[in-house]
């Protein structure tokens, strides 16, 4: 709320973070879930961008 709505944090990365969180919840609490290498490797560039954006915000 304090970062996305004020424009300090990009909306697409916020949505990506929500998707990552949802996938983690599924992975933690569903009985049988499988994340293949293709799926996880396609998420890596966005995850890296997310981490870099947060780091820039922290050290600004």
C-alpha atoms as a PDB file:
ATOM      1  CA  UNK A   1       0.000   0.000   0.000  1.00  0.00           C
ATOM      2  CA  UNK A   2       2.702   2.502   0.945  1.00  0.00           C
ATOM      3  CA  UNK A   3       4.960   1.608  -1.943  1.00  0.00           C
ATOM      4  CA  UNK A   4       2.812   0.476  -4.863  1.00  0.00           C
ATOM      5  CA  UNK A   5       0.030   3.042  -4.561  1.00  0.00           C
ATOM      6  CA  UNK A   6       2.525   5.868  -4.143  1.00  0.00           C
ATOM      7  CA  UNK A   7       4.448   4.776  -7.226  1.00  0.00           C
ATOM      8  CA  UNK A   8       7.636   3.915  -5.336  1.00  0.00           C
ATOM      9  CA  UNK A   9       7.370   0.266  -6.346  1.00  0.00           C
ATOM     10  CA  UNK A  10       6.351  -0.862  -9.859  1.00  0.00           C
ATOM     11  CA  UNK A  11       2.914  -2.470 -10.193  1.00  0.00           C
ATOM     12  CA  UNK A  12       4.123  -5.339 -12.454  1.00  0.00           C
ATOM     13  CA  UNK A  13       6.707  -6.378  -9.844  1.00  0.00           C
ATOM     14  CA  UNK A  14       4.075  -6.207  -7.143  1.00  0.00           C
ATOM     15  CA  UNK A  15       1.869  -8.574  -9.125  1.00  0.00           C
ATOM     16  CA  UNK A  16       4.854 -10.843  -9.762  1.00  0.00           C
ATOM     17  CA  UNK A  17       5.601 -10.933  -6.019  1.00  0.00           C
ATOM     18  CA  UNK A  18       2.003 -11.904  -5.321  1.00  0.00           C
ATOM     19  CA  UNK A  19       2.253 -14.719  -7.867  1.00  0.00           C
ATOM     20  CA  UNK A  20       5.501 -15.959  -6.295  1.00  0.00           C
ATOM     21  CA  UNK A  21       3.912 -15.910  -2.854  1.00  0.00           C
ATOM     22  CA  UNK A  22       0.887 -17.833  -4.107  1.00  0.00           C
ATOM     23  CA  UNK A  23       3.144 -20.442  -5.745  1.00  0.00           C
ATOM     24  CA  UNK A  24       5.117 -20.793  -2.532  1.00  0.00           C
ATOM     25  CA  UNK A  25       1.933 -21.326  -0.552  1.00  0.00           C
ATOM     26  CA  UNK A  26       0.850 -24.007  -3.025  1.00  0.00           C
ATOM     27  CA  UNK A  27       4.269 -25.656  -2.824  1.00  0.00           C
ATOM     28  CA  UNK A  28       4.214 -25.622   0.964  1.00  0.00           C
ATOM     29  CA  UNK A  29       0.666 -26.760   1.613  1.00  0.00           C
ATOM     30  CA  UNK A  30      -0.634 -28.807  -1.317  1.00  0.00           C
ATOM     31  CA  UNK A  31      -0.139 -32.552  -1.204  1.00  0.00           C
ATOM     32  CA  UNK A  32       1.357 -33.132  -4.636  1.00  0.00           C
ATOM     33  CA  UNK A  33       2.740 -30.198  -6.603  1.00  0.00           C
ATOM     34  CA  UNK A  34       5.593 -30.152  -9.048  1.00  0.00           C
ATOM     35  CA  UNK A  35       7.444 -27.136 -10.394  1.00  0.00           C
ATOM     36  CA  UNK A  36       9.484 -28.110 -13.422  1.00  0.00           C
ATOM     37  CA  UNK A  37      12.786 -26.540 -14.445  1.00  0.00           C
ATOM     38  CA  UNK A  38      11.250 -24.716 -17.410  1.00  0.00           C
ATOM     39  CA  UNK A  39       8.712 -22.963 -15.188  1.00  0.00           C
ATOM     40  CA  UNK A  40      11.179 -22.014 -12.502  1.00  0.00           C
ATOM     41  CA  UNK A  41      13.872 -20.860 -14.926  1.00  0.00           C
ATOM     42  CA  UNK A  42      11.360 -18.619 -16.690  1.00  0.00           C
ATOM     43  CA  UNK A  43      10.650 -16.901 -13.360  1.00  0.00           C
ATOM     44  CA  UNK A  44      14.307 -16.281 -12.576  1.00  0.00           C
ATOM     45  CA  UNK A  45      14.817 -13.048 -14.584  1.00  0.00           C
ATOM     46  CA  UNK A  46      11.777 -11.436 -12.987  1.00  0.00           C
ATOM     47  CA  UNK A  47      12.852 -12.612  -9.533  1.00  0.00           C
ATOM     48  CA  UNK A  48      16.268 -11.092 -10.087  1.00  0.00           C
ATOM     49  CA  UNK A  49      14.650  -7.810 -11.146  1.00  0.00           C
ATOM     50  CA  UNK A  50      12.472  -7.900  -8.024  1.00  0.00           C
ATOM     51  CA  UNK A  51      15.483  -8.393  -5.738  1.00  0.00           C
ATOM     52  CA  UNK A  52      17.477  -5.662  -7.491  1.00  0.00           C
ATOM     53  CA  UNK A  53      14.572  -3.225  -7.222  1.00  0.00           C
ATOM     54  CA  UNK A  54      14.191  -3.883  -3.509  1.00  0.00           C
ATOM     55  CA  UNK A  55      17.942  -3.511  -2.980  1.00  0.00           C
ATOM     56  CA  UNK A  56      17.916  -0.144  -4.775  1.00  0.00           C
ATOM     57  CA  UNK A  57      15.062   0.996  -2.557  1.00  0.00           C
ATOM     58  CA  UNK A  58      16.856  -0.113   0.605  1.00  0.00           C
ATOM     59  CA  UNK A  59      20.153   1.528  -0.209  1.00  0.00           C
ATOM     60  CA  UNK A  60      18.732   4.727  -1.661  1.00  0.00           C
END
